[in-house]
Amino acid sequence: MRAIAFVTRLIDEGKIPDGSLKRMLIHAIEADDVMQKLGITSKYNADGNFLGHLHDTGYNRADAWIAQFLDRIGVQSTVDIRAKYL
């Protein structure tokens, strides 16, 4: 992510005028609020109800993300790399 942020900054500052480097558009579908509540043992939980819960959470978050950001795909990042990852 640091490398992507670095190249993006170079592009934004006009330091790559020849177009030899391309801007990467970054997107993320997240459920941090759900995942942070899970303990370490959840990694070993193969219970069908638990896996169904994870699946449903992912499906619902993806559906909400698409409704909010579909028009930005291929146009603009939906994640601020510096704020989120650095």
N, C-alpha and C. Protein backbone atom coordinates (compact mmCIF):
# COMPACT_ATOMS: atom_id res chain seq x y z
N MET A 1 0.82 -1.19 0.00
CA MET A 1 0.00 0.00 0.00
C MET A 1 0.88 1.26 0.00
N ARG A 2 2.03 1.15 0.67
CA ARG A 2 2.93 2.31 0.67
C ARG A 2 3.39 2.65 -0.75
N ALA A 3 3.71 1.62 -1.52
CA ALA A 3 4.18 1.85 -2.89
C ALA A 3 3.07 2.47 -3.73
N ILE A 4 1.85 1.99 -3.57
CA ILE A 4 0.72 2.54 -4.32
C ILE A 4 0.50 3.99 -3.93
N ALA A 5 0.54 4.29 -2.63
CA ALA A 5 0.37 5.66 -2.16
C ALA A 5 1.48 6.56 -2.69
N PHE A 6 2.71 6.05 -2.73
CA PHE A 6 3.84 6.82 -3.22
C PHE A 6 3.68 7.17 -4.69
N VAL A 7 3.36 6.18 -5.51
CA VAL A 7 3.19 6.42 -6.94
C VAL A 7 2.01 7.36 -7.19
N THR A 8 0.93 7.18 -6.44
CA THR A 8 -0.24 8.07 -6.58
C THR A 8 0.15 9.51 -6.28
N ARG A 9 0.94 9.71 -5.24
CA ARG A 9 1.39 11.06 -4.90
C ARG A 9 2.26 11.64 -6.02
N LEU A 10 3.15 10.83 -6.58
CA LEU A 10 3.98 11.31 -7.70
C LEU A 10 3.12 11.73 -8.88
N ILE A 11 2.11 10.94 -9.18
CA ILE A 11 1.21 11.26 -10.29
C ILE A 11 0.46 12.55 -9.98
N ASP A 12 -0.08 12.67 -8.76
CA ASP A 12 -0.84 13.86 -8.37
C ASP A 12 0.01 15.12 -8.41
N GLU A 13 1.29 14.99 -8.10
CA GLU A 13 2.20 16.13 -8.09
C GLU A 13 2.77 16.43 -9.48
N GLY A 14 2.39 15.65 -10.47
CA GLY A 14 2.85 15.88 -11.83
C GLY A 14 4.28 15.47 -12.08
N LYS A 15 4.82 14.61 -11.25
CA LYS A 15 6.22 14.19 -11.39
C LYS A 15 6.38 13.00 -12.32
N ILE A 16 5.29 12.48 -12.85
CA ILE A 16 5.33 11.40 -13.82
C ILE A 16 4.57 11.90 -15.07
N PRO A 17 5.13 12.85 -15.76
CA PRO A 17 4.40 13.49 -16.86
C PRO A 17 4.24 12.62 -18.11
N ASP A 18 5.08 11.61 -18.27
CA ASP A 18 5.03 10.83 -19.51
C ASP A 18 3.98 9.73 -19.48
N GLY A 19 3.30 9.55 -18.35
CA GLY A 19 2.27 8.52 -18.26
C GLY A 19 2.82 7.12 -18.15
N SER A 20 4.10 6.98 -17.82
CA SER A 20 4.70 5.65 -17.74
C SER A 20 4.20 4.86 -16.53
N LEU A 21 3.65 5.56 -15.55
CA LEU A 21 3.05 4.88 -14.40
C LEU A 21 1.57 5.22 -14.37
N LYS A 22 0.77 4.23 -14.05
CA LYS A 22 -0.68 4.41 -14.04
C LYS A 22 -1.20 4.47 -12.60
N ARG A 23 -2.24 5.25 -12.43
CA ARG A 23 -2.91 5.34 -11.14
C ARG A 23 -3.67 4.04 -10.88
N MET A 24 -3.53 3.51 -9.69
CA MET A 24 -4.29 2.33 -9.29
C MET A 24 -5.50 2.79 -8.50
N LEU A 25 -6.63 2.24 -8.84
CA LEU A 25 -7.85 2.55 -8.11
C LEU A 25 -8.06 1.45 -7.07
N ILE A 26 -8.20 1.87 -5.82
CA ILE A 26 -8.28 0.92 -4.71
C ILE A 26 -9.68 0.94 -4.12
N HIS A 27 -10.22 -0.24 -3.92
CA HIS A 27 -11.56 -0.40 -3.34
C HIS A 27 -11.48 -1.44 -2.22
N ALA A 28 -12.35 -1.33 -1.25
CA ALA A 28 -12.38 -2.30 -0.16
C ALA A 28 -13.81 -2.46 0.34
N ILE A 29 -14.22 -3.70 0.45
CA ILE A 29 -15.49 -4.02 1.08
C ILE A 29 -15.12 -4.57 2.46
N GLU A 30 -15.61 -3.91 3.50
CA GLU A 30 -15.15 -4.24 4.85
C GLU A 30 -16.30 -4.57 5.79
N ALA A 31 -15.95 -5.31 6.82
CA ALA A 31 -16.87 -5.59 7.92
C ALA A 31 -16.04 -5.60 9.21
N ASP A 32 -15.21 -4.58 9.38
CA ASP A 32 -14.32 -4.51 10.53
C ASP A 32 -15.08 -4.60 11.85
N ASP A 33 -16.24 -3.97 11.92
CA ASP A 33 -17.02 -4.00 13.16
C ASP A 33 -17.42 -5.42 13.55
N VAL A 34 -17.67 -6.26 12.57
CA VAL A 34 -18.03 -7.65 12.83
C VAL A 34 -16.78 -8.48 13.13
N MET A 35 -15.76 -8.31 12.32
CA MET A 35 -14.56 -9.13 12.45
C MET A 35 -13.82 -8.86 13.75
N GLN A 36 -13.82 -7.63 14.23
CA GLN A 36 -13.11 -7.29 15.46
C GLN A 36 -13.73 -7.95 16.69
N LYS A 37 -14.98 -8.31 16.60
CA LYS A 37 -15.66 -8.97 17.72
C LYS A 37 -15.33 -10.46 17.80
N LEU A 38 -14.74 -11.01 16.76
CA LEU A 38 -14.44 -12.43 16.72
C LEU A 38 -13.12 -12.70 17.42
N GLY A 39 -13.08 -13.76 18.17
CA GLY A 39 -11.84 -14.15 18.84
C GLY A 39 -10.94 -14.94 17.91
N ILE A 40 -9.76 -15.22 18.40
CA ILE A 40 -8.77 -15.95 17.60
C ILE A 40 -9.28 -17.35 17.25
N THR A 41 -10.08 -17.95 18.11
CA THR A 41 -10.58 -19.30 17.85
C THR A 41 -11.57 -19.34 16.69
N SER A 42 -12.09 -18.19 16.29
CA SER A 42 -13.02 -18.18 15.16
C SER A 42 -12.36 -18.67 13.88
N LYS A 43 -11.05 -18.57 13.81
CA LYS A 43 -10.32 -19.04 12.63
C LYS A 43 -10.46 -20.55 12.45
N TYR A 44 -10.77 -21.25 13.52
CA TYR A 44 -10.90 -22.70 13.48
C TYR A 44 -12.36 -23.15 13.52
N ASN A 45 -13.28 -22.21 13.52
CA ASN A 45 -14.70 -22.53 13.64
C ASN A 45 -15.27 -22.90 12.27
N ALA A 46 -15.58 -24.17 12.10
CA ALA A 46 -16.12 -24.66 10.83
C ALA A 46 -17.61 -24.97 10.94
N ASP A 47 -18.24 -24.47 11.99
CA ASP A 47 -19.67 -24.68 12.19
C ASP A 47 -20.46 -24.04 11.04
N GLY A 48 -21.42 -24.77 10.53
CA GLY A 48 -22.20 -24.28 9.39
C GLY A 48 -22.93 -22.98 9.67
N ASN A 49 -23.49 -22.82 10.87
CA ASN A 49 -24.19 -21.58 11.21
C ASN A 49 -23.23 -20.40 11.24
N PHE A 50 -22.04 -20.62 11.80
CA PHE A 50 -21.03 -19.54 11.86
C PHE A 50 -20.58 -19.16 10.46
N LEU A 51 -20.29 -20.15 9.64
CA LEU A 51 -19.86 -19.85 8.27
C LEU A 51 -20.98 -19.18 7.49
N GLY A 52 -22.21 -19.59 7.73
CA GLY A 52 -23.35 -18.93 7.10
C GLY A 52 -23.47 -17.47 7.53
N HIS A 53 -23.20 -17.22 8.80
CA HIS A 53 -23.21 -15.84 9.32
C HIS A 53 -22.15 -14.99 8.61
N LEU A 54 -20.94 -15.54 8.48
CA LEU A 54 -19.88 -14.81 7.77
C LEU A 54 -20.26 -14.56 6.31
N HIS A 55 -20.82 -15.56 5.67
CA HIS A 55 -21.24 -15.43 4.28
C HIS A 55 -22.30 -14.34 4.15
N ASP A 56 -23.30 -14.38 5.01
CA ASP A 56 -24.37 -13.38 4.95
C ASP A 56 -23.85 -11.97 5.21
N THR A 57 -22.93 -11.86 6.16
CA THR A 57 -22.32 -10.56 6.45
C THR A 57 -21.59 -10.03 5.22
N GLY A 58 -20.79 -10.88 4.60
CA GLY A 58 -20.05 -10.48 3.40
C GLY A 58 -20.98 -10.11 2.27
N TYR A 59 -22.01 -10.89 2.07
CA TYR A 59 -22.97 -10.62 1.00
C TYR A 59 -23.67 -9.28 1.23
N ASN A 60 -24.12 -9.04 2.46
CA ASN A 60 -24.81 -7.79 2.76
C ASN A 60 -23.90 -6.58 2.64
N ARG A 61 -22.66 -6.72 3.09
CA ARG A 61 -21.72 -5.60 2.97
C ARG A 61 -21.38 -5.33 1.51
N ALA A 62 -21.20 -6.38 0.72
CA ALA A 62 -20.92 -6.20 -0.70
C ALA A 62 -22.10 -5.55 -1.41
N ASP A 63 -23.30 -5.96 -1.08
CA ASP A 63 -24.49 -5.38 -1.68
C ASP A 63 -24.60 -3.89 -1.34
N ALA A 64 -24.35 -3.54 -0.09
CA ALA A 64 -24.40 -2.14 0.33
C ALA A 64 -23.29 -1.34 -0.35
N TRP A 65 -22.10 -1.95 -0.47
CA TRP A 65 -20.97 -1.27 -1.11
C TRP A 65 -21.29 -0.97 -2.57
N ILE A 66 -21.83 -1.94 -3.26
CA ILE A 66 -22.19 -1.75 -4.67
C ILE A 66 -23.22 -0.64 -4.83
N ALA A 67 -24.21 -0.61 -3.96
CA ALA A 67 -25.23 0.43 -4.03
C ALA A 67 -24.62 1.81 -3.83
N GLN A 68 -23.60 1.90 -3.00
CA GLN A 68 -22.99 3.20 -2.70
C GLN A 68 -21.92 3.60 -3.70
N PHE A 69 -21.13 2.65 -4.20
CA PHE A 69 -19.93 3.01 -4.95
C PHE A 69 -19.86 2.50 -6.39
N LEU A 70 -20.87 1.88 -6.90
CA LEU A 70 -20.80 1.30 -8.24
C LEU A 70 -20.33 2.32 -9.29
N ASP A 71 -20.79 3.54 -9.18
CA ASP A 71 -20.43 4.55 -10.17
C ASP A 71 -18.97 4.99 -10.11
N ARG A 72 -18.25 4.61 -9.06
CA ARG A 72 -16.85 5.00 -8.92
C ARG A 72 -15.88 3.94 -9.42
N ILE A 73 -16.38 2.75 -9.72
CA ILE A 73 -15.51 1.68 -10.21
C ILE A 73 -14.94 2.09 -11.57
N GLY A 74 -13.64 2.01 -11.70
CA GLY A 74 -12.96 2.39 -12.92
C GLY A 74 -12.77 3.88 -13.09
N VAL A 75 -13.22 4.65 -12.10
CA VAL A 75 -13.14 6.12 -12.18
C VAL A 75 -12.32 6.70 -11.03
N GLN A 76 -12.60 6.22 -9.81
CA GLN A 76 -12.01 6.83 -8.62
C GLN A 76 -11.92 5.78 -7.51
N SER A 77 -10.86 5.86 -6.72
CA SER A 77 -10.73 4.96 -5.58
C SER A 77 -11.83 5.23 -4.57
N THR A 78 -12.20 4.21 -3.84
CA THR A 78 -13.19 4.37 -2.78
C THR A 78 -12.53 4.27 -1.41
N VAL A 79 -11.21 4.12 -1.39
CA VAL A 79 -10.47 4.04 -0.15
C VAL A 79 -9.35 5.08 -0.16
N ASP A 80 -9.22 5.81 0.92
CA ASP A 80 -8.08 6.71 1.11
C ASP A 80 -6.96 5.87 1.72
N ILE A 81 -5.99 5.49 0.90
CA ILE A 81 -4.94 4.58 1.34
C ILE A 81 -4.18 5.14 2.53
N ARG A 82 -3.82 6.40 2.47
CA ARG A 82 -3.06 6.99 3.57
C ARG A 82 -3.83 6.95 4.88
N ALA A 83 -5.11 7.30 4.85
CA ALA A 83 -5.91 7.33 6.06
C ALA A 83 -6.18 5.92 6.59
N LYS A 84 -6.38 4.96 5.72
CA LYS A 84 -6.78 3.63 6.13
C LYS A 84 -5.61 2.70 6.46
N TYR A 85 -4.54 2.77 5.69
CA TYR A 85 -3.50 1.77 5.81
C TYR A 85 -2.12 2.27 6.26
N LEU A 86 -1.88 3.58 6.18
CA LEU A 86 -0.53 4.06 6.50
C LEU A 86 -0.50 4.88 7.75
